[in-house]
Amino acid sequence: MEKIIIENRTDMSLEDALSFVKHVISDGRISETAKGKQYCFCTTWTDGTIVYAHKNQKSDRFIVTI
């Protein structure tokens, strides 16, 4: 079973934040760490939105910020 955690640190709706996270997930696990492959550490958009990805033991956590 997979689990994701989304932390929305913006004033955008959760639906909008989810679309940014969905984009990161659709690109796949492209970053290499000692823990193995994970989603891109930091993805930015031209509107200033940033999504940080962290791999936890049993989940992936995404932080959406500006």
PDB file of N, CA and C in Angstrom:
ATOM      1  N   MET A   1       0.844  -1.178   0.000  1.00  0.00           N
ATOM      2  CA  MET A   1       0.000   0.000   0.000  1.00  0.00           C
ATOM      3  C   MET A   1       0.889   1.240   0.000  1.00  0.00           C
ATOM      4  N   GLU A   2       0.515   2.227  -0.791  1.00  0.00           N
ATOM      5  CA  GLU A   2       1.252   3.484  -0.855  1.00  0.00           C
ATOM      6  C   GLU A   2       0.451   4.576  -0.165  1.00  0.00           C
ATOM      7  N   LYS A   3       1.184   5.539   0.392  1.00  0.00           N
ATOM      8  CA  LYS A   3       0.543   6.644   1.112  1.00  0.00           C
ATOM      9  C   LYS A   3       1.266   7.935   0.758  1.00  0.00           C
ATOM     10  N   ILE A   4       0.493   9.015   0.508  1.00  0.00           N
ATOM     11  CA  ILE A   4       1.105  10.323   0.299  1.00  0.00           C
ATOM     12  C   ILE A   4       0.516  11.313   1.303  1.00  0.00           C
ATOM     13  N   ILE A   5       1.356  12.262   1.668  1.00  0.00           N
ATOM     14  CA  ILE A   5       0.957  13.338   2.559  1.00  0.00           C
ATOM     15  C   ILE A   5       1.195  14.632   1.800  1.00  0.00           C
ATOM     16  N   ILE A   6       0.185  15.503   1.767  1.00  0.00           N
ATOM     17  CA  ILE A   6       0.311  16.793   1.082  1.00  0.00           C
ATOM     18  C   ILE A   6       0.132  17.899   2.103  1.00  0.00           C
ATOM     19  N   GLU A   7       1.141  18.748   2.194  1.00  0.00           N
ATOM     20  CA  GLU A   7       1.101  19.916   3.070  1.00  0.00           C
ATOM     21  C   GLU A   7       0.937  21.143   2.178  1.00  0.00           C
ATOM     22  N   ASN A   8      -0.202  21.769   2.229  1.00  0.00           N
ATOM     23  CA  ASN A   8      -0.476  22.940   1.401  1.00  0.00           C
ATOM     24  C   ASN A   8      -0.170  24.201   2.212  1.00  0.00           C
ATOM     25  N   ARG A   9       0.975  24.813   1.960  1.00  0.00           N
ATOM     26  CA  ARG A   9       1.384  26.015   2.685  1.00  0.00           C
ATOM     27  C   ARG A   9       1.085  27.285   1.892  1.00  0.00           C
ATOM     28  N   THR A  10       0.070  27.231   1.059  1.00  0.00           N
ATOM     29  CA  THR A  10      -0.331  28.378   0.255  1.00  0.00           C
ATOM     30  C   THR A  10      -1.801  28.686   0.546  1.00  0.00           C
ATOM     31  N   ASP A  11      -2.302  29.726  -0.111  1.00  0.00           N
ATOM     32  CA  ASP A  11      -3.725  30.024   0.018  1.00  0.00           C
ATOM     33  C   ASP A  11      -4.536  29.439  -1.150  1.00  0.00           C
ATOM     34  N   MET A  12      -3.875  28.651  -2.013  1.00  0.00           N
ATOM     35  CA  MET A  12      -4.607  28.025  -3.123  1.00  0.00           C
ATOM     36  C   MET A  12      -5.460  26.880  -2.575  1.00  0.00           C
ATOM     37  N   SER A  13      -6.451  26.503  -3.329  1.00  0.00           N
ATOM     38  CA  SER A  13      -7.329  25.408  -2.898  1.00  0.00           C
ATOM     39  C   SER A  13      -6.549  24.099  -2.888  1.00  0.00           C
ATOM     40  N   LEU A  14      -7.043  23.151  -2.118  1.00  0.00           N
ATOM     41  CA  LEU A  14      -6.403  21.833  -2.076  1.00  0.00           C
ATOM     42  C   LEU A  14      -6.443  21.177  -3.448  1.00  0.00           C
ATOM     43  N   GLU A  15      -7.503  21.429  -4.184  1.00  0.00           N
ATOM     44  CA  GLU A  15      -7.624  20.874  -5.536  1.00  0.00           C
ATOM     45  C   GLU A  15      -6.495  21.381  -6.437  1.00  0.00           C
ATOM     46  N   ASP A  16      -6.188  22.687  -6.357  1.00  0.00           N
ATOM     47  CA  ASP A  16      -5.098  23.254  -7.159  1.00  0.00           C
ATOM     48  C   ASP A  16      -3.749  22.708  -6.704  1.00  0.00           C
ATOM     49  N   ALA A  17      -3.547  22.625  -5.390  1.00  0.00           N
ATOM     50  CA  ALA A  17      -2.292  22.081  -4.858  1.00  0.00           C
ATOM     51  C   ALA A  17      -2.114  20.633  -5.313  1.00  0.00           C
ATOM     52  N   LEU A  18      -3.198  19.883  -5.311  1.00  0.00           N
ATOM     53  CA  LEU A  18      -3.149  18.490  -5.727  1.00  0.00           C
ATOM     54  C   LEU A  18      -2.726  18.358  -7.189  1.00  0.00           C
ATOM     55  N   SER A  19      -3.135  19.297  -8.027  1.00  0.00           N
ATOM     56  CA  SER A  19      -2.748  19.218  -9.442  1.00  0.00           C
ATOM     57  C   SER A  19      -1.234  19.394  -9.608  1.00  0.00           C
ATOM     58  N   PHE A  20      -0.617  20.226  -8.779  1.00  0.00           N
ATOM     59  CA  PHE A  20       0.846  20.377  -8.833  1.00  0.00           C
ATOM     60  C   PHE A  20       1.525  19.086  -8.363  1.00  0.00           C
ATOM     61  N   VAL A  21       1.029  18.497  -7.285  1.00  0.00           N
ATOM     62  CA  VAL A  21       1.593  17.246  -6.770  1.00  0.00           C
ATOM     63  C   VAL A  21       1.408  16.135  -7.804  1.00  0.00           C
ATOM     64  N   LYS A  22       0.264  16.109  -8.439  1.00  0.00           N
ATOM     65  CA  LYS A  22      -0.002  15.101  -9.464  1.00  0.00           C
ATOM     66  C   LYS A  22       1.034  15.181 -10.583  1.00  0.00           C
ATOM     67  N   HIS A  23       1.390  16.394 -10.961  1.00  0.00           N
ATOM     68  CA  HIS A  23       2.400  16.585 -12.010  1.00  0.00           C
ATOM     69  C   HIS A  23       3.743  15.985 -11.584  1.00  0.00           C
ATOM     70  N   VAL A  24       4.155  16.236 -10.333  1.00  0.00           N
ATOM     71  CA  VAL A  24       5.418  15.692  -9.825  1.00  0.00           C
ATOM     72  C   VAL A  24       5.364  14.161  -9.822  1.00  0.00           C
ATOM     73  N   ILE A  25       4.260  13.608  -9.362  1.00  0.00           N
ATOM     74  CA  ILE A  25       4.123  12.155  -9.314  1.00  0.00           C
ATOM     75  C   ILE A  25       4.146  11.553 -10.713  1.00  0.00           C
ATOM     76  N   SER A  26       3.513  12.225 -11.672  1.00  0.00           N
ATOM     77  CA  SER A  26       3.466  11.686 -13.036  1.00  0.00           C
ATOM     78  C   SER A  26       4.848  11.652 -13.691  1.00  0.00           C
ATOM     79  N   ASP A  27       5.767  12.516 -13.236  1.00  0.00           N
ATOM     80  CA  ASP A  27       7.139  12.481 -13.764  1.00  0.00           C
ATOM     81  C   ASP A  27       7.917  11.284 -13.233  1.00  0.00           C
ATOM     82  N   GLY A  28       7.433  10.667 -12.181  1.00  0.00           N
ATOM     83  CA  GLY A  28       8.055   9.467 -11.637  1.00  0.00           C
ATOM     84  C   GLY A  28       9.146   9.763 -10.627  1.00  0.00           C
ATOM     85  N   ARG A  29       9.722   8.709 -10.130  1.00  0.00           N
ATOM     86  CA  ARG A  29      10.804   8.805  -9.133  1.00  0.00           C
ATOM     87  C   ARG A  29      12.111   9.006  -9.887  1.00  0.00           C
ATOM     88  N   ILE A  30      12.592  10.230  -9.916  1.00  0.00           N
ATOM     89  CA  ILE A  30      13.756  10.550 -10.741  1.00  0.00           C
ATOM     90  C   ILE A  30      14.985  10.966  -9.936  1.00  0.00           C
ATOM     91  N   SER A  31      14.842  11.164  -8.637  1.00  0.00           N
ATOM     92  CA  SER A  31      15.973  11.574  -7.806  1.00  0.00           C
ATOM     93  C   SER A  31      16.526  10.356  -7.065  1.00  0.00           C
ATOM     94  N   GLU A  32      17.859  10.271  -6.979  1.00  0.00           N
ATOM     95  CA  GLU A  32      18.515   9.162  -6.293  1.00  0.00           C
ATOM     96  C   GLU A  32      18.976   9.594  -4.911  1.00  0.00           C
ATOM     97  N   THR A  33      18.709   8.768  -3.914  1.00  0.00           N
ATOM     98  CA  THR A  33      19.181   9.017  -2.553  1.00  0.00           C
ATOM     99  C   THR A  33      19.678   7.709  -1.962  1.00  0.00           C
ATOM    100  N   ALA A  34      20.209   7.780  -0.753  1.00  0.00           N
ATOM    101  CA  ALA A  34      20.616   6.564  -0.055  1.00  0.00           C
ATOM    102  C   ALA A  34      19.402   5.667   0.221  1.00  0.00           C
ATOM    103  N   LYS A  35      18.213   6.278   0.279  1.00  0.00           N
ATOM    104  CA  LYS A  35      16.982   5.528   0.514  1.00  0.00           C
ATOM    105  C   LYS A  35      16.438   4.901  -0.772  1.00  0.00           C
ATOM    106  N   GLY A  36      17.072   5.182  -1.888  1.00  0.00           N
ATOM    107  CA  GLY A  36      16.588   4.699  -3.181  1.00  0.00           C
ATOM    108  C   GLY A  36      16.014   5.847  -3.992  1.00  0.00           C
ATOM    109  N   LYS A  37      15.277   5.498  -5.025  1.00  0.00           N
ATOM    110  CA  LYS A  37      14.686   6.533  -5.878  1.00  0.00           C
ATOM    111  C   LYS A  37      13.516   7.203  -5.175  1.00  0.00           C
ATOM    112  N   GLN A  38      13.373   8.502  -5.453  1.00  0.00           N
ATOM    113  CA  GLN A  38      12.228   9.237  -4.927  1.00  0.00           C
ATOM    114  C   GLN A  38      11.817  10.290  -5.943  1.00  0.00           C
ATOM    115  N   TYR A  39      10.678  10.927  -5.659  1.00  0.00           N
ATOM    116  CA  TYR A  39      10.197  11.978  -6.556  1.00  0.00           C
ATOM    117  C   TYR A  39      11.150  13.170  -6.505  1.00  0.00           C
ATOM    118  N   CYS A  40      11.122  13.993  -7.537  1.00  0.00           N
ATOM    119  CA  CYS A  40      12.023  15.138  -7.642  1.00  0.00           C
ATOM    120  C   CYS A  40      12.002  15.952  -6.342  1.00  0.00           C
ATOM    121  N   PHE A  41      13.186  16.240  -5.809  1.00  0.00           N
ATOM    122  CA  PHE A  41      13.301  16.948  -4.528  1.00  0.00           C
ATOM    123  C   PHE A  41      12.583  18.298  -4.536  1.00  0.00           C
ATOM    124  N   CYS A  42      12.744  19.027  -5.634  1.00  0.00           N
ATOM    125  CA  CYS A  42      12.187  20.385  -5.704  1.00  0.00           C
ATOM    126  C   CYS A  42      11.771  20.670  -7.145  1.00  0.00           C
ATOM    127  N   THR A  43      10.491  20.932  -7.341  1.00  0.00           N
ATOM    128  CA  THR A  43       9.968  21.254  -8.668  1.00  0.00           C
ATOM    129  C   THR A  43       9.368  22.647  -8.608  1.00  0.00           C
ATOM    130  N   THR A  44       9.727  23.502  -9.577  1.00  0.00           N
ATOM    131  CA  THR A  44       9.241  24.883  -9.588  1.00  0.00           C
ATOM    132  C   THR A  44       8.447  25.162 -10.859  1.00  0.00           C
ATOM    133  N   TRP A  45       7.542  26.128 -10.764  1.00  0.00           N
ATOM    134  CA  TRP A  45       6.752  26.582 -11.899  1.00  0.00           C
ATOM    135  C   TRP A  45       6.953  28.077 -12.076  1.00  0.00           C
ATOM    136  N   THR A  46       6.651  28.572 -13.260  1.00  0.00           N
ATOM    137  CA  THR A  46       6.860  29.990 -13.569  1.00  0.00           C
ATOM    138  C   THR A  46       5.961  30.914 -12.759  1.00  0.00           C
ATOM    139  N   ASP A  47       4.860  30.394 -12.210  1.00  0.00           N
ATOM    140  CA  ASP A  47       3.983  31.240 -11.395  1.00  0.00           C
ATOM    141  C   ASP A  47       4.495  31.373  -9.958  1.00  0.00           C
ATOM    142  N   GLY A  48       5.638  30.721  -9.660  1.00  0.00           N
ATOM    143  CA  GLY A  48       6.230  30.821  -8.332  1.00  0.00           C
ATOM    144  C   GLY A  48       5.926  29.653  -7.418  1.00  0.00           C
ATOM    145  N   THR A  49       5.066  28.742  -7.846  1.00  0.00           N
ATOM    146  CA  THR A  49       4.732  27.582  -7.024  1.00  0.00           C
ATOM    147  C   THR A  49       5.930  26.634  -6.958  1.00  0.00           C
ATOM    148  N   ILE A  50       6.165  26.084  -5.770  1.00  0.00           N
ATOM    149  CA  ILE A  50       7.250  25.125  -5.548  1.00  0.00           C
ATOM    150  C   ILE A  50       6.667  23.898  -4.850  1.00  0.00           C
ATOM    151  N   VAL A  51       7.070  22.723  -5.300  1.00  0.00           N
ATOM    152  CA  VAL A  51       6.686  21.479  -4.630  1.00  0.00           C
ATOM    153  C   VAL A  51       7.961  20.765  -4.204  1.00  0.00           C
ATOM    154  N   TYR A  52       8.083  20.537  -2.893  1.00  0.00           N
ATOM    155  CA  TYR A  52       9.194  19.768  -2.333  1.00  0.00           C
ATOM    156  C   TYR A  52       8.693  18.357  -2.056  1.00  0.00           C
ATOM    157  N   ALA A  53       9.539  17.358  -2.335  1.00  0.00           N
ATOM    158  CA  ALA A  53       9.165  15.970  -2.095  1.00  0.00           C
ATOM    159  C   ALA A  53      10.146  15.347  -1.111  1.00  0.00           C
ATOM    160  N   HIS A  54       9.611  14.621  -0.160  1.00  0.00           N
ATOM    161  CA  HIS A  54      10.414  13.926   0.847  1.00  0.00           C
ATOM    162  C   HIS A  54       9.941  12.484   0.919  1.00  0.00           C
ATOM    163  N   LYS A  55      10.889  11.565   0.978  1.00  0.00           N
ATOM    164  CA  LYS A  55      10.533  10.152   1.111  1.00  0.00           C
ATOM    165  C   LYS A  55      10.658   9.761   2.580  1.00  0.00           C
ATOM    166  N   ASN A  56       9.550   9.369   3.166  1.00  0.00           N
ATOM    167  CA  ASN A  56       9.535   8.858   4.534  1.00  0.00           C
ATOM    168  C   ASN A  56       9.613   7.336   4.481  1.00  0.00           C
ATOM    169  N   GLN A  57       9.664   6.706   5.646  1.00  0.00           N
ATOM    170  CA  GLN A  57       9.729   5.239   5.670  1.00  0.00           C
ATOM    171  C   GLN A  57       8.530   4.586   5.006  1.00  0.00           C
ATOM    172  N   LYS A  58       7.330   5.088   5.291  1.00  0.00           N
ATOM    173  CA  LYS A  58       6.122   4.427   4.783  1.00  0.00           C
ATOM    174  C   LYS A  58       5.256   5.326   3.913  1.00  0.00           C
ATOM    175  N   SER A  59       5.783   6.493   3.528  1.00  0.00           N
ATOM    176  CA  SER A  59       4.974   7.414   2.727  1.00  0.00           C
ATOM    177  C   SER A  59       5.870   8.384   1.969  1.00  0.00           C
ATOM    178  N   ASP A  60       5.239   9.123   1.084  1.00  0.00           N
ATOM    179  CA  ASP A  60       5.893  10.251   0.415  1.00  0.00           C
ATOM    180  C   ASP A  60       5.173  11.504   0.871  1.00  0.00           C
ATOM    181  N   ARG A  61       5.948  12.544   1.207  1.00  0.00           N
ATOM    182  CA  ARG A  61       5.365  13.798   1.676  1.00  0.00           C
ATOM    183  C   ARG A  61       5.706  14.884   0.667  1.00  0.00           C
ATOM    184  N   PHE A  62       4.691  15.675   0.322  1.00  0.00           N
ATOM    185  CA  PHE A  62       4.854  16.779  -0.620  1.00  0.00           C
ATOM    186  C   PHE A  62       4.477  18.070   0.085  1.00  0.00           C
ATOM    187  N   ILE A  63       5.322  19.080  -0.057  1.00  0.00           N
ATOM    188  CA  ILE A  63       5.038  20.397   0.514  1.00  0.00           C
ATOM    189  C   ILE A  63       4.858  21.356  -0.658  1.00  0.00           C
ATOM    190  N   VAL A  64       3.682  21.979  -0.723  1.00  0.00           N
ATOM    191  CA  VAL A  64       3.375  22.943  -1.780  1.00  0.00           C
ATOM    192  C   VAL A  64       3.486  24.332  -1.160  1.00  0.00           C
ATOM    193  N   THR A  65       4.325  25.175  -1.761  1.00  0.00           N
ATOM    194  CA  THR A  65       4.561  26.520  -1.238  1.00  0.00           C
ATOM    195  C   THR A  65       4.783  27.482  -2.395  1.00  0.00           C
ATOM    196  N   ILE A  66       4.942  28.754  -2.044  1.00  0.00           N
ATOM    197  CA  ILE A  66       5.225  29.789  -3.054  1.00  0.00           C
ATOM    198  C   ILE A  66       6.518  30.477  -2.673  1.00  0.00           C
TER     199      ILE A  66
END
